[in-house]
Amino acid sequence: MMCALGASVCFGTATVLQAMAARAAADDGPGGDSGPGSGAALLLRALRQWRYLAGLALDGVGFLLQIAALRSIPIYAVGAALAASLAVTAVVAARLLKVRLSRVEWGAVGVVCAGLAMLGLASGTEGHQSGSTVLKYAMLATAVAVLLLGLVGGRLPERARPLALGLGAGFGFGVVEVAVRLIDDIAPGALLSNPATYALLLGGGAAFLLLTSALQRGSVTTATAGLVIGETIGPALVGVVWLGDRTRPGLEWLAVLGFAVAVVGALALARFGEAPGEDA
């Protein structure tokens, strides 16, 4: 559980550092920097900011911790902990970016922490089922479906677009969570012949593209809510039903309650799914 919480801290802090770097890069740019290439120019300036590079490094460390967590505790616990990165972002933003949190949002941070504490008490070890070949191909098919959703998502009606793209991104990240558990041999030959390897790469790439599109073309809060739902509920069910994830004996109710509480708290903080600005 410590690895999952560490990943959450890394991802949440990285979001704020990247927000600070993007703000500084925008301030350093020309006043009329709003043309077709402005996004790329802003990214190049941000890459010269130490905070942005530090954020990328934290993302890398967070991903490694996520993999370690997925190899040691149930998927449902890891998913809830990753959703809790929104609480980390909110707290760090309040300190570094002077973002003012409402009482409800501070309460949501406390709710997330309570949910994670319950999960920590109830979680057992990861399931020892390796996953069938059918499940591996199902994850690959899901990753392809996520990619196809990205191709058509931009044509959806404006109100439906951010939720659909956010859910798709969540499913893509969920594929990554499950695929990590389906890769049990990292020898080059085994990796290349395992459908889960391609599911992981395709699902992660598609999820990143969908989330970027959702945040640029719709409500951040709606997109992030879809992301949280997509990356927690589906993978948790796969872990329990097909990979043998279990709780400590007699604490199933506490795990379910803790999972629900953590996810609801994260949804209340969904506006922090995008790097917060001064007026967040």
Protein backbone atom coordinates (compact mmCIF):
# COMPACT_ATOMS: atom_id res chain seq x y z
CA MET A 1 0.00 0.00 0.00
CA MET A 2 2.91 2.34 0.65
CA CYS A 3 3.96 2.09 -3.01
CA ALA A 4 0.44 3.00 -4.15
CA LEU A 5 0.33 5.98 -1.79
CA GLY A 6 3.80 7.01 -2.93
CA ALA A 7 2.64 6.92 -6.55
CA SER A 8 -0.35 9.06 -5.62
CA VAL A 9 1.90 11.64 -3.94
CA CYS A 10 4.23 11.68 -6.96
CA PHE A 11 1.43 12.14 -9.51
CA GLY A 12 -0.40 14.75 -7.44
CA THR A 13 2.73 16.82 -6.76
CA ALA A 14 3.87 16.55 -10.38
CA THR A 15 0.60 18.12 -11.52
CA VAL A 16 1.22 21.22 -9.43
CA LEU A 17 4.89 21.55 -10.43
CA GLN A 18 3.94 21.31 -14.09
CA ALA A 19 1.23 23.92 -13.55
CA MET A 20 3.78 26.32 -12.04
CA ALA A 21 6.17 25.70 -14.93
CA ALA A 22 3.45 26.19 -17.54
CA ARG A 23 2.42 29.47 -15.89
CA ALA A 24 6.02 30.72 -15.87
CA ALA A 25 6.48 29.65 -19.49
CA ALA A 26 3.34 31.52 -20.51
CA ASP A 27 4.56 34.65 -18.73
CA ASP A 28 7.90 34.42 -20.53
CA GLY A 29 6.30 34.09 -23.95
CA PRO A 30 5.30 36.86 -26.38
CA GLY A 31 2.04 38.60 -25.63
CA GLY A 32 0.36 37.37 -28.77
CA ASP A 33 1.34 33.75 -28.29
CA SER A 34 -1.98 32.21 -29.25
CA GLY A 35 -1.51 30.93 -32.81
CA PRO A 36 -1.64 27.38 -34.13
CA GLY A 37 1.85 26.58 -32.88
CA SER A 38 1.45 28.24 -29.50
CA GLY A 39 0.86 24.96 -27.67
CA ALA A 40 4.11 23.47 -28.96
CA ALA A 41 5.98 26.71 -28.21
CA LEU A 42 4.59 26.77 -24.68
CA LEU A 43 5.65 23.14 -24.16
CA LEU A 44 9.19 23.90 -25.36
CA ARG A 45 9.45 26.83 -22.95
CA ALA A 46 8.01 24.70 -20.14
CA LEU A 47 10.66 22.04 -20.79
CA ARG A 48 13.28 24.64 -19.90
CA GLN A 49 11.69 25.09 -16.48
CA TRP A 50 13.17 22.96 -13.69
CA ARG A 51 9.76 22.53 -12.13
CA TYR A 52 8.39 20.94 -15.30
CA LEU A 53 11.34 18.56 -15.52
CA ALA A 54 10.94 17.73 -11.84
CA GLY A 55 7.27 17.00 -12.48
CA LEU A 56 8.16 14.64 -15.33
CA ALA A 57 10.67 12.89 -13.08
CA LEU A 58 8.01 12.49 -10.39
CA ASP A 59 5.63 11.04 -12.99
CA GLY A 60 8.30 8.48 -13.87
CA VAL A 61 8.89 7.56 -10.23
CA GLY A 62 5.13 7.39 -9.69
CA PHE A 63 4.71 4.97 -12.59
CA LEU A 64 7.42 2.68 -11.20
CA LEU A 65 5.76 2.77 -7.78
CA GLN A 66 2.41 2.02 -9.42
CA ILE A 67 3.87 -1.07 -11.08
CA ALA A 68 5.38 -2.20 -7.78
CA ALA A 69 2.04 -1.68 -6.02
CA LEU A 70 0.14 -3.62 -8.67
CA ARG A 71 2.50 -6.55 -8.14
CA SER A 72 1.87 -6.67 -4.39
CA ILE A 73 -1.66 -5.50 -3.50
CA PRO A 74 -5.12 -5.82 -5.13
CA ILE A 75 -5.97 -3.65 -8.11
CA TYR A 76 -8.91 -2.07 -6.28
CA ALA A 77 -6.57 -0.62 -3.64
CA VAL A 78 -4.14 0.73 -6.22
CA GLY A 79 -6.92 2.31 -8.28
CA ALA A 80 -8.40 4.09 -5.27
CA ALA A 81 -4.96 5.33 -4.22
CA LEU A 82 -4.24 6.71 -7.69
CA ALA A 83 -7.59 8.51 -7.72
CA ALA A 84 -6.49 10.05 -4.43
CA SER A 85 -3.74 11.92 -6.28
CA LEU A 86 -6.42 14.58 -6.81
CA ALA A 87 -6.40 15.15 -3.05
CA VAL A 88 -2.61 15.51 -3.13
CA THR A 89 -2.89 18.01 -5.97
CA ALA A 90 -5.48 20.01 -4.04
CA VAL A 91 -3.37 20.18 -0.88
CA VAL A 92 -0.11 21.02 -2.68
CA ALA A 93 -1.90 23.61 -4.85
CA ALA A 94 -3.29 25.25 -1.73
CA ARG A 95 0.26 25.60 -0.43
CA LEU A 96 2.32 26.43 -3.52
CA LEU A 97 -0.20 28.03 -5.87
CA LYS A 98 -2.24 29.74 -3.14
CA VAL A 99 -5.39 28.04 -4.42
CA ARG A 100 -8.18 28.56 -1.91
CA LEU A 101 -10.01 25.37 -1.02
CA SER A 102 -13.57 25.52 0.22
CA ARG A 103 -14.66 23.74 3.38
CA VAL A 104 -16.34 21.11 1.22
CA GLU A 105 -13.07 20.46 -0.62
CA TRP A 106 -11.08 20.20 2.59
CA GLY A 107 -13.76 17.79 3.77
CA ALA A 108 -13.34 15.80 0.54
CA VAL A 109 -9.60 15.55 1.21
CA GLY A 110 -10.40 14.11 4.63
CA VAL A 111 -12.92 11.69 3.09
CA VAL A 112 -10.30 10.42 0.64
CA CYS A 113 -7.83 9.85 3.47
CA ALA A 114 -10.47 8.01 5.50
CA GLY A 115 -11.33 5.80 2.54
CA LEU A 116 -7.69 4.92 1.95
CA ALA A 117 -7.22 4.14 5.62
CA MET A 118 -10.14 1.70 5.48
CA LEU A 119 -8.72 0.12 2.34
CA GLY A 120 -5.33 -0.22 3.97
CA LEU A 121 -6.87 -2.07 6.90
CA ALA A 122 -9.02 -4.34 4.73
CA SER A 123 -6.81 -5.12 1.75
CA GLY A 124 -5.27 -8.55 1.45
CA THR A 125 -2.44 -9.55 -0.85
CA GLU A 126 -2.81 -9.53 -4.61
CA GLY A 127 -4.53 -12.48 -6.22
CA HIS A 128 -2.27 -15.25 -7.44
CA GLN A 129 -4.21 -16.07 -10.59
CA SER A 130 -2.13 -15.23 -13.65
CA GLY A 131 -5.05 -14.50 -15.94
CA SER A 132 -6.22 -16.50 -18.92
CA THR A 133 -5.22 -15.97 -22.52
CA VAL A 134 -8.78 -14.87 -23.18
CA LEU A 135 -8.45 -12.09 -20.58
CA LYS A 136 -5.18 -10.92 -22.13
CA TYR A 137 -6.79 -10.63 -25.55
CA ALA A 138 -9.83 -8.97 -23.97
CA MET A 139 -7.54 -6.27 -22.54
CA LEU A 140 -5.96 -5.79 -25.97
CA ALA A 141 -9.41 -5.50 -27.55
CA THR A 142 -10.41 -2.96 -24.89
CA ALA A 143 -7.29 -0.92 -25.63
CA VAL A 144 -8.18 -0.91 -29.34
CA ALA A 145 -11.73 0.17 -28.46
CA VAL A 146 -10.35 3.03 -26.37
CA LEU A 147 -8.23 4.15 -29.31
CA LEU A 148 -11.24 4.03 -31.64
CA LEU A 149 -13.23 6.05 -29.12
CA GLY A 150 -10.53 8.69 -29.31
CA LEU A 151 -10.93 8.86 -33.08
CA VAL A 152 -14.68 9.49 -32.91
CA GLY A 153 -14.91 11.22 -29.53
CA GLY A 154 -14.17 14.65 -30.93
CA ARG A 155 -17.32 14.43 -33.07
CA LEU A 156 -19.64 13.82 -30.14
CA PRO A 157 -22.02 16.59 -28.99
CA GLU A 158 -20.34 19.18 -26.80
CA ARG A 159 -22.13 18.15 -23.60
CA ALA A 160 -21.36 14.43 -24.00
CA ARG A 161 -17.79 14.81 -25.28
CA PRO A 162 -15.80 15.41 -22.04
CA LEU A 163 -17.53 12.63 -20.10
CA ALA A 164 -17.11 10.11 -22.93
CA LEU A 165 -13.46 11.01 -23.50
CA GLY A 166 -12.78 11.03 -19.75
CA LEU A 167 -14.37 7.61 -19.32
CA GLY A 168 -12.38 6.33 -22.29
CA ALA A 169 -9.17 7.62 -20.77
CA GLY A 170 -10.08 5.95 -17.50
CA PHE A 171 -10.68 2.64 -19.27
CA GLY A 172 -7.31 3.02 -20.99
CA PHE A 173 -5.47 3.58 -17.73
CA GLY A 174 -7.49 0.71 -16.27
CA VAL A 175 -6.18 -1.52 -19.06
CA VAL A 176 -2.65 -0.55 -17.98
CA GLU A 177 -3.42 -1.53 -14.38
CA VAL A 178 -4.74 -4.95 -15.38
CA ALA A 179 -2.08 -5.56 -18.03
CA VAL A 180 0.71 -5.11 -15.48
CA ARG A 181 -0.77 -8.05 -13.56
CA LEU A 182 -1.02 -10.13 -16.74
CA ILE A 183 2.68 -9.83 -17.52
CA ASP A 184 4.42 -12.46 -15.43
CA ASP A 185 7.56 -12.98 -17.50
CA ILE A 186 9.70 -10.03 -18.61
CA ALA A 187 12.05 -12.02 -20.83
CA PRO A 188 12.10 -10.34 -24.30
CA GLY A 189 10.57 -13.32 -26.05
CA ALA A 190 7.78 -13.67 -23.51
CA LEU A 191 7.00 -9.94 -23.60
CA LEU A 192 6.75 -9.88 -27.38
CA SER A 193 4.41 -12.89 -27.43
CA ASN A 194 2.15 -11.65 -24.63
CA PRO A 195 -0.97 -9.75 -25.79
CA ALA A 196 -0.97 -7.90 -22.44
CA THR A 197 2.26 -6.14 -23.44
CA TYR A 198 0.56 -4.56 -26.43
CA ALA A 199 -2.55 -3.85 -24.39
CA LEU A 200 -0.43 -1.93 -21.87
CA LEU A 201 1.32 0.17 -24.54
CA LEU A 202 -1.77 0.83 -26.63
CA GLY A 203 -4.05 1.42 -23.64
CA GLY A 204 -1.66 3.85 -21.98
CA GLY A 205 -1.04 5.80 -25.18
CA ALA A 206 -4.72 5.97 -26.09
CA ALA A 207 -5.65 7.03 -22.55
CA PHE A 208 -3.15 9.89 -22.62
CA LEU A 209 -4.49 11.13 -25.98
CA LEU A 210 -8.12 10.93 -24.85
CA LEU A 211 -7.46 12.69 -21.57
CA THR A 212 -5.54 15.49 -23.32
CA SER A 213 -8.39 15.94 -25.79
CA ALA A 214 -11.01 15.88 -23.03
CA LEU A 215 -9.24 18.54 -20.98
CA GLN A 216 -8.75 20.78 -24.01
CA ARG A 217 -12.22 20.47 -25.46
CA GLY A 218 -14.63 20.30 -22.55
CA SER A 219 -15.29 20.56 -18.85
CA VAL A 220 -12.24 19.58 -16.78
CA THR A 221 -14.45 18.52 -13.87
CA THR A 222 -16.65 16.29 -16.04
CA ALA A 223 -13.70 14.72 -17.85
CA THR A 224 -11.85 14.01 -14.62
CA ALA A 225 -14.95 12.51 -13.02
CA GLY A 226 -15.21 10.15 -15.98
CA LEU A 227 -11.51 9.34 -15.65
CA VAL A 228 -11.80 8.46 -11.95
CA ILE A 229 -14.80 6.20 -12.56
CA GLY A 230 -13.23 4.48 -15.55
CA GLU A 231 -9.86 3.74 -13.96
CA THR A 232 -11.19 2.43 -10.65
CA ILE A 233 -14.41 0.42 -10.95
CA GLY A 234 -13.67 -1.71 -14.03
CA PRO A 235 -10.13 -2.77 -13.06
CA ALA A 236 -11.28 -3.49 -9.50
CA LEU A 237 -13.95 -5.88 -10.78
CA VAL A 238 -11.46 -7.60 -13.09
CA GLY A 239 -9.06 -8.05 -10.19
CA VAL A 240 -11.69 -9.57 -7.92
CA VAL A 241 -13.51 -11.74 -10.49
CA TRP A 242 -10.68 -12.97 -12.73
CA LEU A 243 -7.38 -12.44 -10.87
CA GLY A 244 -8.35 -13.58 -7.39
CA ASP A 245 -7.93 -10.29 -5.48
CA ARG A 246 -9.36 -10.64 -1.99
CA THR A 247 -9.61 -8.77 1.29
CA ARG A 248 -8.56 -9.85 4.75
CA PRO A 249 -10.97 -12.45 6.14
CA GLY A 250 -14.19 -10.86 7.37
CA LEU A 251 -13.32 -7.36 6.13
CA GLU A 252 -14.96 -7.44 2.71
CA TRP A 253 -17.48 -4.82 3.84
CA LEU A 254 -14.73 -2.47 4.99
CA ALA A 255 -12.90 -2.78 1.66
CA VAL A 256 -16.07 -2.00 -0.29
CA LEU A 257 -16.86 0.94 1.97
CA GLY A 258 -13.31 2.29 1.84
CA PHE A 259 -13.18 1.98 -1.96
CA ALA A 260 -16.50 3.80 -2.37
CA VAL A 261 -15.56 6.54 0.11
CA ALA A 262 -12.17 7.16 -1.54
CA VAL A 263 -13.68 7.35 -5.04
CA VAL A 264 -16.52 9.65 -3.96
CA GLY A 265 -14.01 11.94 -2.25
CA ALA A 266 -11.87 12.01 -5.39
CA LEU A 267 -14.91 12.87 -7.52
CA ALA A 268 -15.59 15.84 -5.24
CA LEU A 269 -12.09 17.09 -6.10
CA ALA A 270 -12.45 16.51 -9.84
CA ARG A 271 -11.70 20.12 -10.76
CA PHE A 272 -8.09 19.44 -9.78
CA GLY A 273 -7.80 16.92 -12.64
CA GLU A 274 -6.12 19.68 -14.66
CA ALA A 275 -3.21 21.68 -13.35
CA PRO A 276 -4.92 24.40 -11.31
CA GLY A 277 -4.41 28.01 -12.17
CA GLU A 278 -4.62 31.13 -10.09
CA ASP A 279 -8.35 31.31 -10.34
CA ALA A 280 -8.99 27.60 -9.77
